[in-house]
Amino acid sequence: MPAMRTLAILLAALSIATPAAAGDLTVMVTNAAGQPVKDAVVMVYPRGGAHGAIRFSWPYVMSQRNMQFDPFVLIVPVGATVSFPNRDPFRHHVYSFSPAKTFELKLYGHDETRTVKFDKTGVVAVGCNIHDNMTAFIRVVDTPYAAKTDAHGAAVIADAPDGPATVQVWHPYIRGGHDLSRQTNIPDRSITMKIAADVRAPPMRKGMY
C-alpha cells in the first residue's frame, strides 16, 4: 500500500507539473465576397502575455528579384535585422518613409546586400526609388504567435496557448488601414476560426526587365 500511495503521489505531481499541450490555431481570412485573402498577417496576443525571445522559422530576408520585392509581405520580430539582397542585374535604391522605420539603402547592384534593423513595432512600407512599381511591406511584431495567410487564406499559429486572447488581422490593402481585432477563447486543442476582412483588390504586381 505505501508503494501504491507513493506512485499515486508521483503521478499527481507529474500531472500538475506538465502543462496541457497547446493546439494549432488556424485562422481563415476572407474578403467581403467570401474569397480567400493572401498575405494577411495574423497575430495572437494571449491575455497573460508572451515571454521569451521571439523567433520565426522563415528567413528575415526581402530580396529584389525580377523587379519586385520577394516576399511581398514579411513578418519579423521587433529587434530583427532584415537583409535586402539584390538579385537583379541592375541597381536598386530601397527606402521607406514609414514611422515604424525610416531608412534609405542607396544604389547597390547585383548580388550585393544591405541590412536594416527594425527596432519598433508597426508596418513598414518598402519601395524602390528607381522603380516605382516595386512595393512591399514588413510587419514588425511583438508576439511569437504570428503567421501569414497562404493562397487559401489560411494562417496557422502553431502551439497557440489556450485561454483568452486577442486575434488581430492586418493586410496592406485592408480598408481603413487599421488592424481587425477579435476577442476569443482558444481551447487546448487545434481549431479553425474564420475572420472576414474588408480588403480591396490589390494592384497587379508585374515583374519585368
N, C-alpha and C. Protein backbone atom coordinates (compact mmCIF):
# COMPACT_ATOMS: atom_id res chain seq x y z
N MET A 1 0.82 -1.22 0.00
CA MET A 1 0.00 0.00 0.00
C MET A 1 0.85 1.27 0.00
N PRO A 2 1.91 1.36 0.86
CA PRO A 2 2.73 2.58 0.82
C PRO A 2 3.32 2.83 -0.55
N ALA A 3 3.74 1.72 -1.24
CA ALA A 3 4.32 1.89 -2.57
C ALA A 3 3.29 2.43 -3.54
N MET A 4 2.05 1.93 -3.47
CA MET A 4 1.00 2.40 -4.37
C MET A 4 0.66 3.86 -4.08
N ARG A 5 0.68 4.22 -2.77
CA ARG A 5 0.39 5.61 -2.39
C ARG A 5 1.48 6.54 -2.93
N THR A 6 2.73 6.08 -2.86
CA THR A 6 3.84 6.88 -3.39
C THR A 6 3.72 7.07 -4.90
N LEU A 7 3.34 5.99 -5.62
CA LEU A 7 3.17 6.08 -7.07
C LEU A 7 2.06 7.06 -7.42
N ALA A 8 0.97 7.02 -6.67
CA ALA A 8 -0.15 7.92 -6.93
C ALA A 8 0.27 9.37 -6.74
N ILE A 9 1.07 9.62 -5.69
CA ILE A 9 1.54 10.97 -5.42
C ILE A 9 2.44 11.46 -6.56
N LEU A 10 3.32 10.57 -7.05
CA LEU A 10 4.22 10.93 -8.15
C LEU A 10 3.44 11.25 -9.41
N LEU A 11 2.43 10.44 -9.73
CA LEU A 11 1.61 10.68 -10.92
C LEU A 11 0.87 12.00 -10.81
N ALA A 12 0.37 12.30 -9.63
CA ALA A 12 -0.35 13.56 -9.43
C ALA A 12 0.60 14.74 -9.61
N ALA A 13 1.82 14.59 -9.09
CA ALA A 13 2.79 15.68 -9.22
C ALA A 13 3.15 15.91 -10.68
N LEU A 14 3.29 14.82 -11.46
CA LEU A 14 3.61 14.96 -12.87
C LEU A 14 2.48 15.63 -13.63
N SER A 15 1.24 15.32 -13.28
CA SER A 15 0.11 15.93 -13.98
C SER A 15 0.02 17.42 -13.70
N ILE A 16 0.49 17.84 -12.54
CA ILE A 16 0.48 19.27 -12.21
C ILE A 16 1.64 19.98 -12.90
N ALA A 17 2.80 19.33 -12.94
CA ALA A 17 3.99 19.98 -13.47
C ALA A 17 3.99 20.07 -14.98
N THR A 18 3.27 19.16 -15.67
CA THR A 18 3.27 19.15 -17.12
C THR A 18 2.04 19.88 -17.65
N PRO A 19 2.21 21.02 -18.36
CA PRO A 19 1.06 21.77 -18.87
C PRO A 19 0.38 21.01 -19.99
N ALA A 20 -0.89 21.32 -20.20
CA ALA A 20 -1.63 20.71 -21.29
C ALA A 20 -1.04 21.15 -22.61
N ALA A 21 -0.96 20.22 -23.56
CA ALA A 21 -0.37 20.54 -24.86
C ALA A 21 -1.25 21.55 -25.59
N ALA A 22 -0.62 22.58 -26.13
CA ALA A 22 -1.36 23.57 -26.89
C ALA A 22 -1.63 23.05 -28.28
N GLY A 23 -2.73 23.50 -28.87
CA GLY A 23 -3.06 23.10 -30.22
C GLY A 23 -2.68 24.17 -31.22
N ASP A 24 -2.92 23.90 -32.50
CA ASP A 24 -2.68 24.88 -33.55
C ASP A 24 -3.96 25.66 -33.83
N LEU A 25 -3.80 26.96 -33.96
CA LEU A 25 -4.93 27.81 -34.32
C LEU A 25 -4.81 28.17 -35.79
N THR A 26 -5.76 27.74 -36.58
CA THR A 26 -5.81 28.10 -37.99
C THR A 26 -6.84 29.21 -38.19
N VAL A 27 -6.39 30.32 -38.73
CA VAL A 27 -7.28 31.45 -38.98
C VAL A 27 -7.48 31.57 -40.48
N MET A 28 -8.74 31.49 -40.90
CA MET A 28 -9.10 31.65 -42.31
C MET A 28 -9.57 33.08 -42.53
N VAL A 29 -8.88 33.80 -43.39
CA VAL A 29 -9.23 35.20 -43.67
C VAL A 29 -9.84 35.29 -45.06
N THR A 30 -11.03 35.86 -45.14
CA THR A 30 -11.72 36.05 -46.41
C THR A 30 -12.11 37.51 -46.57
N ASN A 31 -12.39 37.91 -47.82
CA ASN A 31 -12.88 39.27 -48.05
C ASN A 31 -14.41 39.29 -47.96
N ALA A 32 -14.98 40.43 -48.29
CA ALA A 32 -16.43 40.58 -48.15
C ALA A 32 -17.20 39.62 -49.05
N ALA A 33 -16.56 39.19 -50.14
CA ALA A 33 -17.21 38.27 -51.08
C ALA A 33 -16.97 36.81 -50.71
N GLY A 34 -16.27 36.57 -49.61
CA GLY A 34 -16.00 35.22 -49.19
C GLY A 34 -14.80 34.58 -49.85
N GLN A 35 -14.02 35.37 -50.58
CA GLN A 35 -12.83 34.85 -51.26
C GLN A 35 -11.63 34.89 -50.32
N PRO A 36 -10.72 33.93 -50.43
CA PRO A 36 -9.55 33.91 -49.54
C PRO A 36 -8.66 35.11 -49.75
N VAL A 37 -8.08 35.59 -48.66
CA VAL A 37 -7.18 36.75 -48.70
C VAL A 37 -5.77 36.25 -48.43
N LYS A 38 -4.89 36.45 -49.40
CA LYS A 38 -3.50 36.06 -49.26
C LYS A 38 -2.68 37.20 -48.66
N ASP A 39 -1.61 36.85 -47.96
CA ASP A 39 -0.66 37.81 -47.39
C ASP A 39 -1.25 38.67 -46.27
N ALA A 40 -2.28 38.18 -45.60
CA ALA A 40 -2.76 38.84 -44.39
C ALA A 40 -1.92 38.35 -43.22
N VAL A 41 -1.58 39.25 -42.33
CA VAL A 41 -0.80 38.89 -41.14
C VAL A 41 -1.74 38.69 -39.96
N VAL A 42 -1.66 37.51 -39.36
CA VAL A 42 -2.48 37.16 -38.20
C VAL A 42 -1.58 37.15 -36.97
N MET A 43 -2.00 37.89 -35.95
CA MET A 43 -1.23 37.98 -34.71
C MET A 43 -2.12 37.61 -33.53
N VAL A 44 -1.61 36.78 -32.64
CA VAL A 44 -2.36 36.37 -31.46
C VAL A 44 -1.65 36.90 -30.22
N TYR A 45 -2.43 37.57 -29.36
CA TYR A 45 -1.90 38.12 -28.11
C TYR A 45 -2.64 37.48 -26.94
N PRO A 46 -2.04 36.49 -26.27
CA PRO A 46 -2.68 35.88 -25.11
C PRO A 46 -2.87 36.91 -24.00
N ARG A 47 -3.93 36.75 -23.24
CA ARG A 47 -4.20 37.70 -22.16
C ARG A 47 -3.05 37.72 -21.15
N GLY A 48 -2.44 36.60 -20.92
CA GLY A 48 -1.32 36.53 -19.98
C GLY A 48 -0.01 37.01 -20.55
N GLY A 49 0.00 37.40 -21.82
CA GLY A 49 1.22 37.87 -22.45
C GLY A 49 2.08 36.73 -22.94
N ALA A 50 3.13 37.09 -23.67
CA ALA A 50 4.09 36.10 -24.18
C ALA A 50 5.46 36.41 -23.60
N HIS A 51 6.23 35.37 -23.35
CA HIS A 51 7.52 35.55 -22.69
C HIS A 51 8.64 34.93 -23.52
N GLY A 52 9.82 35.45 -23.36
CA GLY A 52 10.98 34.90 -24.05
C GLY A 52 11.23 35.56 -25.39
N ALA A 53 12.34 35.18 -26.01
CA ALA A 53 12.71 35.75 -27.30
C ALA A 53 11.75 35.27 -28.39
N ILE A 54 11.53 36.13 -29.36
CA ILE A 54 10.65 35.79 -30.48
C ILE A 54 11.51 35.38 -31.66
N ARG A 55 11.27 34.17 -32.15
CA ARG A 55 11.99 33.67 -33.32
C ARG A 55 11.00 32.99 -34.26
N PHE A 56 11.10 33.33 -35.53
CA PHE A 56 10.26 32.70 -36.53
C PHE A 56 11.10 31.78 -37.40
N SER A 57 10.45 30.82 -38.04
CA SER A 57 11.17 29.80 -38.80
C SER A 57 11.64 30.29 -40.18
N TRP A 58 11.02 31.34 -40.69
CA TRP A 58 11.38 31.81 -42.02
C TRP A 58 12.54 32.80 -41.95
N PRO A 59 13.27 32.98 -43.05
CA PRO A 59 14.40 33.91 -43.05
C PRO A 59 13.93 35.36 -43.06
N TYR A 60 14.68 36.22 -42.41
CA TYR A 60 14.36 37.64 -42.38
C TYR A 60 15.06 38.30 -43.57
N VAL A 61 14.53 38.01 -44.74
CA VAL A 61 15.14 38.43 -46.00
C VAL A 61 14.05 38.97 -46.91
N MET A 62 14.31 40.11 -47.54
CA MET A 62 13.44 40.65 -48.58
C MET A 62 14.31 40.92 -49.81
N SER A 63 14.22 40.01 -50.77
CA SER A 63 15.06 40.09 -51.97
C SER A 63 14.45 41.04 -53.00
N GLN A 64 15.31 41.51 -53.88
CA GLN A 64 14.87 42.23 -55.07
C GLN A 64 15.14 41.31 -56.25
N ARG A 65 14.05 40.87 -56.88
CA ARG A 65 14.17 39.87 -57.93
C ARG A 65 13.11 40.12 -58.99
N ASN A 66 13.54 40.15 -60.26
CA ASN A 66 12.61 40.36 -61.35
C ASN A 66 11.83 41.66 -61.17
N MET A 67 12.52 42.67 -60.68
CA MET A 67 11.97 44.00 -60.44
C MET A 67 10.77 43.97 -59.48
N GLN A 68 10.82 43.09 -58.49
CA GLN A 68 9.84 43.05 -57.42
C GLN A 68 10.54 42.67 -56.13
N PHE A 69 9.90 43.01 -55.01
CA PHE A 69 10.40 42.54 -53.71
C PHE A 69 9.81 41.17 -53.43
N ASP A 70 10.61 40.32 -52.84
CA ASP A 70 10.17 38.97 -52.51
C ASP A 70 10.67 38.62 -51.11
N PRO A 71 9.72 38.40 -50.16
CA PRO A 71 8.27 38.31 -50.34
C PRO A 71 7.60 39.68 -50.36
N PHE A 72 6.34 39.68 -50.76
CA PHE A 72 5.56 40.90 -50.78
C PHE A 72 5.26 41.38 -49.36
N VAL A 73 5.00 40.44 -48.46
CA VAL A 73 4.78 40.74 -47.03
C VAL A 73 5.72 39.88 -46.22
N LEU A 74 6.45 40.49 -45.31
CA LEU A 74 7.38 39.78 -44.44
C LEU A 74 7.07 40.11 -42.99
N ILE A 75 7.00 39.07 -42.16
CA ILE A 75 6.80 39.25 -40.72
C ILE A 75 8.13 39.06 -40.02
N VAL A 76 8.49 40.01 -39.16
CA VAL A 76 9.72 39.88 -38.37
C VAL A 76 9.44 40.33 -36.94
N PRO A 77 10.18 39.82 -35.98
CA PRO A 77 10.02 40.28 -34.60
C PRO A 77 10.74 41.60 -34.39
N VAL A 78 10.26 42.37 -33.43
CA VAL A 78 10.92 43.63 -33.11
C VAL A 78 12.36 43.35 -32.71
N GLY A 79 13.28 44.16 -33.25
CA GLY A 79 14.69 43.96 -33.00
C GLY A 79 15.40 43.15 -34.07
N ALA A 80 14.65 42.63 -35.04
CA ALA A 80 15.25 41.79 -36.07
C ALA A 80 16.02 42.63 -37.10
N THR A 81 17.05 42.02 -37.66
CA THR A 81 17.80 42.61 -38.76
C THR A 81 17.40 41.91 -40.05
N VAL A 82 16.95 42.69 -41.03
CA VAL A 82 16.48 42.15 -42.30
C VAL A 82 17.52 42.42 -43.38
N SER A 83 17.78 41.39 -44.20
CA SER A 83 18.68 41.52 -45.33
C SER A 83 17.90 41.89 -46.59
N PHE A 84 18.51 42.74 -47.42
CA PHE A 84 17.90 43.15 -48.68
C PHE A 84 18.86 42.85 -49.84
N PRO A 85 18.98 41.57 -50.23
CA PRO A 85 19.88 41.24 -51.33
C PRO A 85 19.29 41.63 -52.69
N ASN A 86 20.15 42.10 -53.57
CA ASN A 86 19.73 42.46 -54.93
C ASN A 86 20.05 41.29 -55.86
N ARG A 87 19.02 40.63 -56.37
CA ARG A 87 19.20 39.51 -57.29
C ARG A 87 18.95 39.91 -58.74
N ASP A 88 18.75 41.19 -58.98
CA ASP A 88 18.53 41.68 -60.34
C ASP A 88 19.86 42.09 -60.98
N PRO A 89 19.90 42.13 -62.31
CA PRO A 89 21.15 42.51 -62.99
C PRO A 89 21.38 44.01 -63.08
N PHE A 90 20.61 44.77 -62.32
CA PHE A 90 20.77 46.22 -62.29
C PHE A 90 20.61 46.71 -60.86
N ARG A 91 20.85 47.98 -60.64
CA ARG A 91 20.88 48.52 -59.28
C ARG A 91 19.49 48.93 -58.79
N HIS A 92 19.32 48.87 -57.46
CA HIS A 92 18.10 49.32 -56.80
C HIS A 92 18.46 50.32 -55.71
N HIS A 93 17.47 51.12 -55.36
CA HIS A 93 17.61 52.13 -54.30
C HIS A 93 16.40 51.94 -53.37
N VAL A 94 16.60 51.18 -52.31
CA VAL A 94 15.50 50.75 -51.43
C VAL A 94 15.32 51.76 -50.30
N TYR A 95 14.04 52.05 -49.97
CA TYR A 95 13.79 53.06 -48.95
C TYR A 95 12.44 52.82 -48.28
N SER A 96 12.23 53.53 -47.17
CA SER A 96 10.93 53.59 -46.51
C SER A 96 10.82 54.90 -45.75
N PHE A 97 9.63 55.49 -45.81
CA PHE A 97 9.33 56.70 -45.04
C PHE A 97 8.38 56.40 -43.88
N SER A 98 8.18 55.12 -43.58
CA SER A 98 7.20 54.73 -42.57
C SER A 98 7.63 55.16 -41.17
N PRO A 99 6.68 55.59 -40.32
CA PRO A 99 7.03 55.98 -38.95
C PRO A 99 7.69 54.85 -38.16
N ALA A 100 7.31 53.59 -38.44
CA ALA A 100 7.90 52.47 -37.70
C ALA A 100 9.37 52.28 -38.05
N LYS A 101 9.77 52.69 -39.25
CA LYS A 101 11.18 52.62 -39.64
C LYS A 101 11.41 53.42 -40.92
N THR A 102 12.20 54.46 -40.79
CA THR A 102 12.61 55.24 -41.96
C THR A 102 14.05 54.87 -42.28
N PHE A 103 14.30 54.50 -43.54
CA PHE A 103 15.67 54.14 -43.92
C PHE A 103 15.86 54.36 -45.42
N GLU A 104 17.10 54.35 -45.84
CA GLU A 104 17.44 54.51 -47.25
C GLU A 104 18.69 53.68 -47.55
N LEU A 105 18.57 52.79 -48.51
CA LEU A 105 19.69 51.98 -48.98
C LEU A 105 20.01 52.45 -50.39
N LYS A 106 21.00 53.29 -50.48
CA LYS A 106 21.31 53.92 -51.77
C LYS A 106 21.79 52.89 -52.79
N LEU A 107 21.79 53.29 -54.03
CA LEU A 107 22.03 52.40 -55.17
C LEU A 107 23.07 51.31 -54.90
N TYR A 108 22.66 50.06 -55.08
CA TYR A 108 23.61 48.95 -54.99
C TYR A 108 23.20 47.89 -56.01
N GLY A 109 24.18 47.10 -56.45
CA GLY A 109 23.99 46.26 -57.62
C GLY A 109 23.79 44.78 -57.36
N HIS A 110 23.94 44.03 -58.44
CA HIS A 110 23.68 42.60 -58.46
C HIS A 110 24.51 41.85 -57.42
N ASP A 111 23.81 41.01 -56.64
CA ASP A 111 24.40 40.16 -55.61
C ASP A 111 25.03 40.94 -54.46
N GLU A 112 24.73 42.22 -54.37
CA GLU A 112 25.11 42.99 -53.18
C GLU A 112 23.95 42.96 -52.19
N THR A 113 24.27 43.11 -50.91
CA THR A 113 23.26 43.02 -49.86
C THR A 113 23.42 44.18 -48.89
N ARG A 114 22.30 44.68 -48.44
CA ARG A 114 22.28 45.68 -47.38
C ARG A 114 21.38 45.16 -46.26
N THR A 115 21.57 45.64 -45.05
CA THR A 115 20.75 45.19 -43.92
C THR A 115 20.18 46.38 -43.17
N VAL A 116 19.03 46.15 -42.54
CA VAL A 116 18.36 47.17 -41.72
C VAL A 116 17.83 46.50 -40.46
N LYS A 117 18.02 47.14 -39.31
CA LYS A 117 17.47 46.63 -38.05
C LYS A 117 16.14 47.33 -37.79
N PHE A 118 15.12 46.54 -37.46
CA PHE A 118 13.79 47.07 -37.20
C PHE A 118 13.52 47.00 -35.70
N ASP A 119 13.61 48.16 -35.05
CA ASP A 119 13.56 48.22 -33.59
C ASP A 119 12.26 48.79 -33.05
N LYS A 120 11.23 48.85 -33.89
CA LYS A 120 9.95 49.38 -33.45
C LYS A 120 8.83 48.60 -34.13
N THR A 121 7.79 48.27 -33.37
CA THR A 121 6.67 47.53 -33.96
C THR A 121 5.88 48.42 -34.92
N GLY A 122 5.22 47.77 -35.87
CA GLY A 122 4.39 48.51 -36.79
C GLY A 122 4.54 48.03 -38.22
N VAL A 123 4.00 48.82 -39.14
CA VAL A 123 4.01 48.50 -40.56
C VAL A 123 5.06 49.35 -41.26
N VAL A 124 5.89 48.70 -42.06
CA VAL A 124 6.92 49.40 -42.82
C VAL A 124 6.67 49.15 -44.31
N ALA A 125 6.30 50.21 -45.03
CA ALA A 125 6.11 50.11 -46.47
C ALA A 125 7.45 50.35 -47.15
N VAL A 126 7.82 49.44 -48.05
CA VAL A 126 9.13 49.47 -48.71
C VAL A 126 8.95 49.76 -50.19
N GLY A 127 9.82 50.60 -50.73
CA GLY A 127 9.78 50.91 -52.15
C GLY A 127 11.17 51.03 -52.74
N CYS A 128 11.21 51.23 -54.05
CA CYS A 128 12.46 51.46 -54.76
C CYS A 128 12.40 52.83 -55.41
N ASN A 129 13.40 53.63 -55.19
CA ASN A 129 13.42 54.99 -55.70
C ASN A 129 13.65 55.05 -57.21
N ILE A 130 14.04 53.91 -57.79
CA ILE A 130 14.28 53.85 -59.23
C ILE A 130 13.11 53.23 -59.97
N HIS A 131 12.46 52.24 -59.35
CA HIS A 131 11.37 51.50 -60.00
C HIS A 131 10.10 51.65 -59.15
N ASP A 132 9.21 52.52 -59.61
CA ASP A 132 8.02 52.87 -58.84
C ASP A 132 7.06 51.69 -58.64
N ASN A 133 7.12 50.68 -59.52
CA ASN A 133 6.20 49.56 -59.39
C ASN A 133 6.61 48.58 -58.30
N MET A 134 7.77 48.79 -57.70
CA MET A 134 8.24 47.89 -56.65
C MET A 134 7.72 48.34 -55.29
N THR A 135 6.89 47.51 -54.68
CA THR A 135 6.36 47.79 -53.34
C THR A 135 6.34 46.50 -52.52
N ALA A 136 6.50 46.64 -51.23
CA ALA A 136 6.41 45.51 -50.31
C ALA A 136 6.17 46.05 -48.92
N PHE A 137 5.90 45.13 -47.98
CA PHE A 137 5.58 45.55 -46.62
C PHE A 137 6.24 44.61 -45.62
N ILE A 138 6.72 45.20 -44.55
CA ILE A 138 7.27 44.44 -43.43
C ILE A 138 6.42 44.74 -42.20
N ARG A 139 5.90 43.70 -41.57
CA ARG A 139 5.14 43.87 -40.35
C ARG A 139 6.02 43.43 -39.18
N VAL A 140 6.37 44.40 -38.34
CA VAL A 140 7.23 44.14 -37.19
C VAL A 140 6.33 43.88 -36.00
N VAL A 141 6.46 42.70 -35.38
CA VAL A 141 5.53 42.28 -34.34
C VAL A 141 6.25 42.04 -33.02
N ASP A 142 5.46 42.05 -31.94
CA ASP A 142 5.99 41.80 -30.61
C ASP A 142 5.32 40.59 -29.97
N THR A 143 4.91 39.63 -30.80
CA THR A 143 4.34 38.38 -30.31
C THR A 143 4.93 37.23 -31.11
N PRO A 144 5.22 36.09 -30.45
CA PRO A 144 5.73 34.93 -31.19
C PRO A 144 4.63 34.20 -31.94
N TYR A 145 3.39 34.57 -31.69
CA TYR A 145 2.26 33.90 -32.31
C TYR A 145 1.77 34.74 -33.49
N ALA A 146 2.46 34.61 -34.60
CA ALA A 146 2.13 35.36 -35.80
C ALA A 146 2.40 34.50 -37.02
N ALA A 147 1.58 34.70 -38.06
CA ALA A 147 1.75 33.95 -39.30
C ALA A 147 1.06 34.72 -40.42
N LYS A 148 1.39 34.33 -41.65
CA LYS A 148 0.85 34.98 -42.84
C LYS A 148 -0.06 34.02 -43.58
N THR A 149 -1.17 34.52 -44.11
CA THR A 149 -2.09 33.65 -44.84
C THR A 149 -1.49 33.23 -46.18
N ASP A 150 -1.83 32.01 -46.58
CA ASP A 150 -1.38 31.49 -47.87
C ASP A 150 -2.42 31.78 -48.95
N ALA A 151 -2.27 31.15 -50.10
CA ALA A 151 -3.19 31.41 -51.22
C ALA A 151 -4.61 30.98 -50.90
N HIS A 152 -4.78 30.12 -49.90
CA HIS A 152 -6.11 29.67 -49.49
C HIS A 152 -6.68 30.53 -48.37
N GLY A 153 -5.96 31.55 -47.97
CA GLY A 153 -6.43 32.43 -46.91
C GLY A 153 -6.21 31.88 -45.52
N ALA A 154 -5.35 30.88 -45.38
CA ALA A 154 -5.14 30.22 -44.09
C ALA A 154 -3.80 30.61 -43.48
N ALA A 155 -3.82 30.96 -42.20
CA ALA A 155 -2.61 31.19 -41.42
C ALA A 155 -2.65 30.27 -40.21
N VAL A 156 -1.58 29.54 -39.99
CA VAL A 156 -1.53 28.58 -38.89
C VAL A 156 -0.61 29.11 -37.80
N ILE A 157 -1.18 29.30 -36.61
CA ILE A 157 -0.41 29.69 -35.43
C ILE A 157 -0.11 28.42 -34.66
N ALA A 158 1.12 27.96 -34.75
CA ALA A 158 1.48 26.70 -34.10
C ALA A 158 1.57 26.87 -32.59
N ASP A 159 1.09 25.86 -31.88
CA ASP A 159 1.16 25.82 -30.41
C ASP A 159 0.55 27.06 -29.78
N ALA A 160 -0.58 27.48 -30.30
CA ALA A 160 -1.27 28.64 -29.74
C ALA A 160 -1.68 28.36 -28.29
N PRO A 161 -1.38 29.24 -27.36
CA PRO A 161 -1.72 29.00 -25.96
C PRO A 161 -3.22 29.05 -25.74
N ASP A 162 -3.74 28.12 -24.94
CA ASP A 162 -5.17 28.13 -24.69
C ASP A 162 -5.53 29.22 -23.68
N GLY A 163 -6.77 29.68 -23.78
CA GLY A 163 -7.25 30.72 -22.90
C GLY A 163 -7.64 31.97 -23.66
N PRO A 164 -8.04 33.02 -22.93
CA PRO A 164 -8.47 34.27 -23.58
C PRO A 164 -7.33 34.90 -24.37
N ALA A 165 -7.66 35.43 -25.53
CA ALA A 165 -6.64 36.04 -26.37
C ALA A 165 -7.28 37.04 -27.32
N THR A 166 -6.46 37.94 -27.83
CA THR A 166 -6.87 38.86 -28.88
C THR A 166 -6.23 38.43 -30.18
N VAL A 167 -7.05 38.27 -31.21
CA VAL A 167 -6.55 37.92 -32.53
C VAL A 167 -6.66 39.16 -33.42
N GLN A 168 -5.53 39.57 -33.99
CA GLN A 168 -5.51 40.73 -34.86
C GLN A 168 -5.13 40.32 -36.27
N VAL A 169 -5.78 40.96 -37.24
CA VAL A 169 -5.51 40.69 -38.65
C VAL A 169 -5.17 42.00 -39.34
N TRP A 170 -4.08 41.97 -40.10
CA TRP A 170 -3.66 43.14 -40.87
C TRP A 170 -3.35 42.73 -42.30
N HIS A 171 -3.66 43.63 -43.22
CA HIS A 171 -3.33 43.42 -44.63
C HIS A 171 -2.99 44.77 -45.24
N PRO A 172 -2.04 44.81 -46.18
CA PRO A 172 -1.68 46.11 -46.77
C PRO A 172 -2.84 46.87 -47.37
N TYR A 173 -3.87 46.13 -47.84
CA TYR A 173 -4.97 46.80 -48.52
C TYR A 173 -6.29 46.68 -47.77
N ILE A 174 -6.20 46.52 -46.45
CA ILE A 174 -7.41 46.50 -45.64
C ILE A 174 -7.97 47.92 -45.56
N ARG A 175 -9.25 48.06 -45.75
CA ARG A 175 -9.86 49.39 -45.78
C ARG A 175 -9.81 50.02 -44.39
N GLY A 176 -9.43 51.27 -44.33
CA GLY A 176 -9.29 51.96 -43.06
C GLY A 176 -7.88 51.92 -42.53
N GLY A 177 -7.11 50.93 -42.97
CA GLY A 177 -5.71 50.84 -42.59
C GLY A 177 -5.43 50.36 -41.18
N HIS A 178 -6.46 49.95 -40.45
CA HIS A 178 -6.27 49.52 -39.06
C HIS A 178 -6.39 48.01 -38.94
N ASP A 179 -5.75 47.46 -37.91
CA ASP A 179 -5.87 46.03 -37.64
C ASP A 179 -7.32 45.67 -37.31
N LEU A 180 -7.73 44.52 -37.80
CA LEU A 180 -9.03 43.97 -37.42
C LEU A 180 -8.81 43.14 -36.17
N SER A 181 -9.56 43.40 -35.11
CA SER A 181 -9.32 42.77 -33.82
C SER A 181 -10.53 41.94 -33.38
N ARG A 182 -10.25 40.74 -32.86
CA ARG A 182 -11.29 39.85 -32.36
C ARG A 182 -10.87 39.28 -31.02
N GLN A 183 -11.78 39.29 -30.05
CA GLN A 183 -11.55 38.64 -28.77
C GLN A 183 -12.06 37.21 -28.85
N THR A 184 -11.26 36.27 -28.36
CA THR A 184 -11.65 34.88 -28.45
C THR A 184 -11.12 34.11 -27.25
N ASN A 185 -11.58 32.89 -27.12
CA ASN A 185 -11.07 31.99 -26.09
C ASN A 185 -10.56 30.74 -26.80
N ILE A 186 -9.25 30.54 -26.79
CA ILE A 186 -8.65 29.43 -27.52
C ILE A 186 -8.66 28.18 -26.66
N PRO A 187 -9.27 27.09 -27.14
CA PRO A 187 -9.27 25.84 -26.36
C PRO A 187 -7.92 25.15 -26.45
N ASP A 188 -7.73 24.12 -25.62
CA ASP A 188 -6.46 23.40 -25.60
C ASP A 188 -6.46 22.28 -26.66
N ARG A 189 -6.84 22.63 -27.86
CA ARG A 189 -6.83 21.70 -28.99
C ARG A 189 -6.76 22.52 -30.27
N SER A 190 -6.49 21.86 -31.36
CA SER A 190 -6.40 22.55 -32.64
C SER A 190 -7.78 22.95 -33.13
N ILE A 191 -7.93 24.20 -33.53
CA ILE A 191 -9.21 24.70 -34.01
C ILE A 191 -8.99 25.60 -35.22
N THR A 192 -10.09 25.90 -35.91
CA THR A 192 -10.08 26.83 -37.03
C THR A 192 -11.11 27.91 -36.77
N MET A 193 -10.69 29.17 -36.94
CA MET A 193 -11.65 30.27 -36.82
C MET A 193 -11.62 31.07 -38.11
N LYS A 194 -12.76 31.68 -38.45
CA LYS A 194 -12.88 32.43 -39.69
C LYS A 194 -13.05 33.92 -39.38
N ILE A 195 -12.35 34.74 -40.13
CA ILE A 195 -12.45 36.19 -39.98
C ILE A 195 -12.63 36.81 -41.36
N ALA A 196 -13.65 37.64 -41.50
CA ALA A 196 -13.89 38.35 -42.75
C ALA A 196 -13.32 39.75 -42.63
N ALA A 197 -12.53 40.15 -43.60
CA ALA A 197 -11.88 41.46 -43.60
C ALA A 197 -12.28 42.23 -44.86
N ASP A 198 -12.47 43.52 -44.70
CA ASP A 198 -12.84 44.36 -45.83
C ASP A 198 -11.54 44.78 -46.53
N VAL A 199 -11.13 43.98 -47.49
CA VAL A 199 -9.85 44.18 -48.18
C VAL A 199 -10.13 44.52 -49.64
N ARG A 200 -9.59 45.63 -50.10
CA ARG A 200 -9.75 46.00 -51.50
C ARG A 200 -8.81 45.18 -52.37
N ALA A 201 -9.12 45.06 -53.64
CA ALA A 201 -8.29 44.29 -54.55
C ALA A 201 -6.93 44.96 -54.71
N PRO A 202 -5.85 44.21 -54.53
CA PRO A 202 -4.51 44.80 -54.67
C PRO A 202 -4.19 45.07 -56.14
N PRO A 203 -3.33 46.04 -56.41
CA PRO A 203 -2.90 46.25 -57.79
C PRO A 203 -2.07 45.06 -58.28
N MET A 204 -2.10 44.81 -59.57
CA MET A 204 -1.36 43.68 -60.11
C MET A 204 0.14 43.94 -60.01
N ARG A 205 0.86 42.96 -59.52
CA ARG A 205 2.31 43.07 -59.40
C ARG A 205 2.94 42.41 -60.62
N LYS A 206 3.73 43.16 -61.35
CA LYS A 206 4.36 42.65 -62.55
C LYS A 206 5.88 42.71 -62.44
N GLY A 207 6.51 41.59 -62.65
CA GLY A 207 7.96 41.58 -62.72
C GLY A 207 8.40 41.74 -64.16
N MET A 208 9.49 42.45 -64.37
CA MET A 208 9.94 42.68 -65.75
C MET A 208 11.39 43.14 -65.73
N TYR A 209 12.01 43.06 -66.88
CA TYR A 209 13.35 43.59 -67.06
C TYR A 209 13.31 44.59 -68.20
